[in-house]
C-alpha cells in the first residue's frame, strides 16, 4: 500500500507529483528517515509533536516546507 500525500501547501503539479512518488514507498518512519538522509542537505527529525499517548507527528524539513508524518 502506498503512503498517500496529503498536500496542503498548494504545490505546483510537478513538485506535488515528485514528492508523492518520493514518499509512496515509505511505509515506516525508518524508510522516511532513510530517504530524508539522501536529500541535499541531509535531513532528519526536526521535531516530534505529541498528539496523545499513542499518536505523534514527526516533522522533517523539506526545502522551505515541512513534511509531517503522522505516527501511531
N, C-alpha and C. Protein backbone atom coordinates (compact mmCIF):
# COMPACT_ATOMS: atom_id res chain seq x y z
N UNK A 1 0.83 -1.17 0.00
CA UNK A 1 0.00 0.00 0.00
C UNK A 1 0.89 1.24 0.00
N UNK A 2 0.64 2.16 -0.87
CA UNK A 2 1.43 3.38 -0.99
C UNK A 2 1.03 4.39 0.08
N UNK A 3 2.00 5.12 0.58
CA UNK A 3 1.74 6.20 1.52
C UNK A 3 1.16 7.38 0.76
N UNK A 4 -0.01 7.86 1.14
CA UNK A 4 -0.61 8.98 0.40
C UNK A 4 0.03 10.30 0.79
N UNK A 5 0.07 11.21 -0.14
CA UNK A 5 0.49 12.58 0.12
C UNK A 5 -0.77 13.41 0.33
N UNK A 6 -0.90 13.95 1.51
CA UNK A 6 -1.99 14.89 1.79
C UNK A 6 -1.34 16.26 1.76
N UNK A 7 -1.59 16.98 0.70
CA UNK A 7 -0.84 18.20 0.40
C UNK A 7 -1.71 19.41 0.67
N UNK A 8 -1.24 20.27 1.58
CA UNK A 8 -1.99 21.47 1.94
C UNK A 8 -1.22 22.74 1.59
N UNK A 9 -0.09 22.62 0.91
CA UNK A 9 0.78 23.77 0.66
C UNK A 9 0.60 24.37 -0.72
N UNK A 10 -0.34 23.87 -1.48
CA UNK A 10 -0.58 24.38 -2.83
C UNK A 10 0.68 24.30 -3.71
N UNK A 11 1.30 23.14 -3.71
CA UNK A 11 2.47 22.91 -4.55
C UNK A 11 2.05 22.93 -6.01
N UNK A 12 3.00 23.27 -6.89
CA UNK A 12 2.67 23.14 -8.31
C UNK A 12 2.62 21.65 -8.64
N UNK A 13 1.99 21.32 -9.72
CA UNK A 13 1.72 19.92 -10.06
C UNK A 13 3.00 19.09 -10.15
N UNK A 14 4.05 19.62 -10.73
CA UNK A 14 5.29 18.86 -10.89
C UNK A 14 5.92 18.55 -9.54
N UNK A 15 5.97 19.53 -8.64
CA UNK A 15 6.55 19.30 -7.31
C UNK A 15 5.70 18.33 -6.51
N UNK A 16 4.38 18.49 -6.58
CA UNK A 16 3.47 17.59 -5.87
C UNK A 16 3.65 16.15 -6.34
N UNK A 17 3.71 15.96 -7.66
CA UNK A 17 3.86 14.61 -8.21
C UNK A 17 5.20 14.00 -7.82
N UNK A 18 6.28 14.80 -7.85
CA UNK A 18 7.61 14.29 -7.48
C UNK A 18 7.64 13.90 -6.00
N UNK A 19 7.04 14.72 -5.16
CA UNK A 19 7.01 14.41 -3.73
C UNK A 19 6.13 13.19 -3.46
N UNK A 20 5.01 13.09 -4.13
CA UNK A 20 4.14 11.92 -3.97
C UNK A 20 4.87 10.64 -4.35
N UNK A 21 5.63 10.68 -5.45
CA UNK A 21 6.41 9.50 -5.84
C UNK A 21 7.48 9.18 -4.80
N UNK A 22 8.13 10.21 -4.26
CA UNK A 22 9.21 10.01 -3.30
C UNK A 22 8.73 9.35 -2.01
N UNK A 23 7.54 9.72 -1.55
CA UNK A 23 7.06 9.17 -0.28
C UNK A 23 6.18 7.93 -0.44
N UNK A 24 5.81 7.60 -1.65
CA UNK A 24 4.86 6.50 -1.88
C UNK A 24 5.30 5.19 -1.22
N UNK A 25 6.57 4.89 -1.24
CA UNK A 25 7.07 3.63 -0.69
C UNK A 25 7.43 3.69 0.77
N UNK A 26 7.23 4.83 1.40
CA UNK A 26 7.60 4.98 2.80
C UNK A 26 6.48 4.49 3.70
N UNK A 27 6.57 3.23 4.10
CA UNK A 27 5.53 2.66 4.96
C UNK A 27 5.96 2.61 6.42
N UNK A 28 7.20 3.01 6.70
CA UNK A 28 7.67 3.08 8.08
C UNK A 28 8.42 4.39 8.27
N UNK A 29 8.53 4.81 9.50
CA UNK A 29 9.29 6.02 9.81
C UNK A 29 10.77 5.81 9.46
N UNK A 30 11.26 4.61 9.64
CA UNK A 30 12.65 4.31 9.27
C UNK A 30 12.89 4.59 7.78
N UNK A 31 11.96 4.19 6.93
CA UNK A 31 12.10 4.45 5.50
C UNK A 31 12.06 5.94 5.20
N UNK A 32 11.21 6.68 5.90
CA UNK A 32 11.14 8.13 5.72
C UNK A 32 12.46 8.78 6.11
N UNK A 33 13.03 8.35 7.22
CA UNK A 33 14.30 8.92 7.67
C UNK A 33 15.45 8.54 6.76
N UNK A 34 15.45 7.31 6.26
CA UNK A 34 16.48 6.90 5.29
C UNK A 34 16.42 7.79 4.06
N UNK A 35 15.21 8.06 3.57
CA UNK A 35 15.04 8.93 2.40
C UNK A 35 15.50 10.35 2.72
N UNK A 36 15.11 10.87 3.90
CA UNK A 36 15.46 12.24 4.27
C UNK A 36 16.97 12.44 4.33
N UNK A 37 17.69 11.40 4.70
CA UNK A 37 19.15 11.50 4.75
C UNK A 37 19.78 11.55 3.36
N UNK A 38 19.02 11.20 2.32
CA UNK A 38 19.56 11.28 0.96
C UNK A 38 19.36 12.66 0.34
N UNK A 39 18.57 13.53 1.00
CA UNK A 39 18.33 14.87 0.48
C UNK A 39 19.59 15.72 0.61
N UNK A 40 19.64 16.81 -0.14
CA UNK A 40 20.76 17.73 -0.06
C UNK A 40 20.25 19.06 0.46
N UNK A 41 20.65 19.48 1.65
CA UNK A 41 21.47 18.75 2.61
C UNK A 41 20.65 17.64 3.26
N UNK A 42 21.35 16.65 3.84
CA UNK A 42 20.64 15.56 4.51
C UNK A 42 19.74 16.11 5.62
N UNK A 43 18.61 15.49 5.78
CA UNK A 43 17.63 15.93 6.79
C UNK A 43 17.38 14.82 7.79
N UNK A 44 16.88 15.22 8.94
CA UNK A 44 16.48 14.29 9.98
C UNK A 44 15.23 14.83 10.65
N UNK A 45 14.88 14.25 11.75
CA UNK A 45 13.71 14.69 12.50
C UNK A 45 14.03 16.04 13.14
N UNK A 46 13.20 17.03 12.86
CA UNK A 46 13.36 18.36 13.44
C UNK A 46 12.59 18.49 14.74
N UNK A 47 11.44 17.83 14.80
CA UNK A 47 10.61 17.94 15.98
C UNK A 47 9.61 16.78 16.00
N UNK A 48 9.19 16.43 17.20
CA UNK A 48 8.12 15.45 17.38
C UNK A 48 7.04 16.11 18.23
N UNK A 49 5.84 16.17 17.69
CA UNK A 49 4.72 16.77 18.41
C UNK A 49 3.81 15.66 18.91
N UNK A 50 3.64 15.60 20.21
CA UNK A 50 2.81 14.57 20.81
C UNK A 50 1.34 14.99 20.72
N UNK A 51 0.53 14.14 20.10
CA UNK A 51 -0.90 14.40 19.98
C UNK A 51 -1.67 13.77 21.15
N UNK A 52 -1.30 12.56 21.48
CA UNK A 52 -1.85 11.88 22.65
C UNK A 52 -0.84 10.79 23.01
N UNK A 53 -1.20 9.88 23.90
CA UNK A 53 -0.22 8.90 24.35
C UNK A 53 0.21 7.92 23.25
N UNK A 54 -0.53 7.83 22.16
CA UNK A 54 -0.21 6.87 21.10
C UNK A 54 0.17 7.52 19.78
N UNK A 55 -0.18 8.77 19.58
CA UNK A 55 -0.02 9.40 18.27
C UNK A 55 0.95 10.57 18.37
N UNK A 56 1.88 10.60 17.41
CA UNK A 56 2.88 11.67 17.34
C UNK A 56 2.99 12.15 15.90
N UNK A 57 3.26 13.43 15.72
CA UNK A 57 3.57 13.98 14.40
C UNK A 57 5.08 14.20 14.35
N UNK A 58 5.71 13.66 13.33
CA UNK A 58 7.16 13.78 13.16
C UNK A 58 7.40 14.75 12.02
N UNK A 59 8.15 15.83 12.31
CA UNK A 59 8.41 16.87 11.32
C UNK A 59 9.80 16.74 10.73
N UNK A 60 9.85 16.77 9.39
CA UNK A 60 11.11 16.74 8.65
C UNK A 60 11.09 17.92 7.70
N UNK A 61 12.15 18.72 7.74
CA UNK A 61 12.25 19.87 6.83
C UNK A 61 12.40 19.36 5.40
N UNK A 62 11.74 20.08 4.47
CA UNK A 62 11.82 19.73 3.05
C UNK A 62 11.86 21.04 2.28
N UNK A 63 13.06 21.49 1.93
CA UNK A 63 13.20 22.79 1.29
C UNK A 63 12.73 23.86 2.25
N UNK A 64 11.79 24.68 1.83
CA UNK A 64 11.25 25.73 2.69
C UNK A 64 9.95 25.29 3.36
N UNK A 65 9.64 24.01 3.24
CA UNK A 65 8.40 23.47 3.79
C UNK A 65 8.69 22.39 4.82
N UNK A 66 7.66 21.86 5.39
CA UNK A 66 7.77 20.77 6.36
C UNK A 66 6.94 19.58 5.90
N UNK A 67 7.51 18.41 6.05
CA UNK A 67 6.74 17.18 5.88
C UNK A 67 6.35 16.73 7.27
N UNK A 68 5.10 16.38 7.44
CA UNK A 68 4.61 15.93 8.73
C UNK A 68 4.14 14.49 8.58
N UNK A 69 4.80 13.60 9.30
CA UNK A 69 4.45 12.19 9.29
C UNK A 69 3.64 11.89 10.55
N UNK A 70 2.42 11.44 10.37
CA UNK A 70 1.54 11.07 11.47
C UNK A 70 1.87 9.64 11.85
N UNK A 71 2.30 9.42 13.08
CA UNK A 71 2.67 8.08 13.51
C UNK A 71 1.84 7.66 14.71
N UNK A 72 1.62 6.37 14.81
CA UNK A 72 0.93 5.85 15.98
C UNK A 72 1.43 4.46 16.28
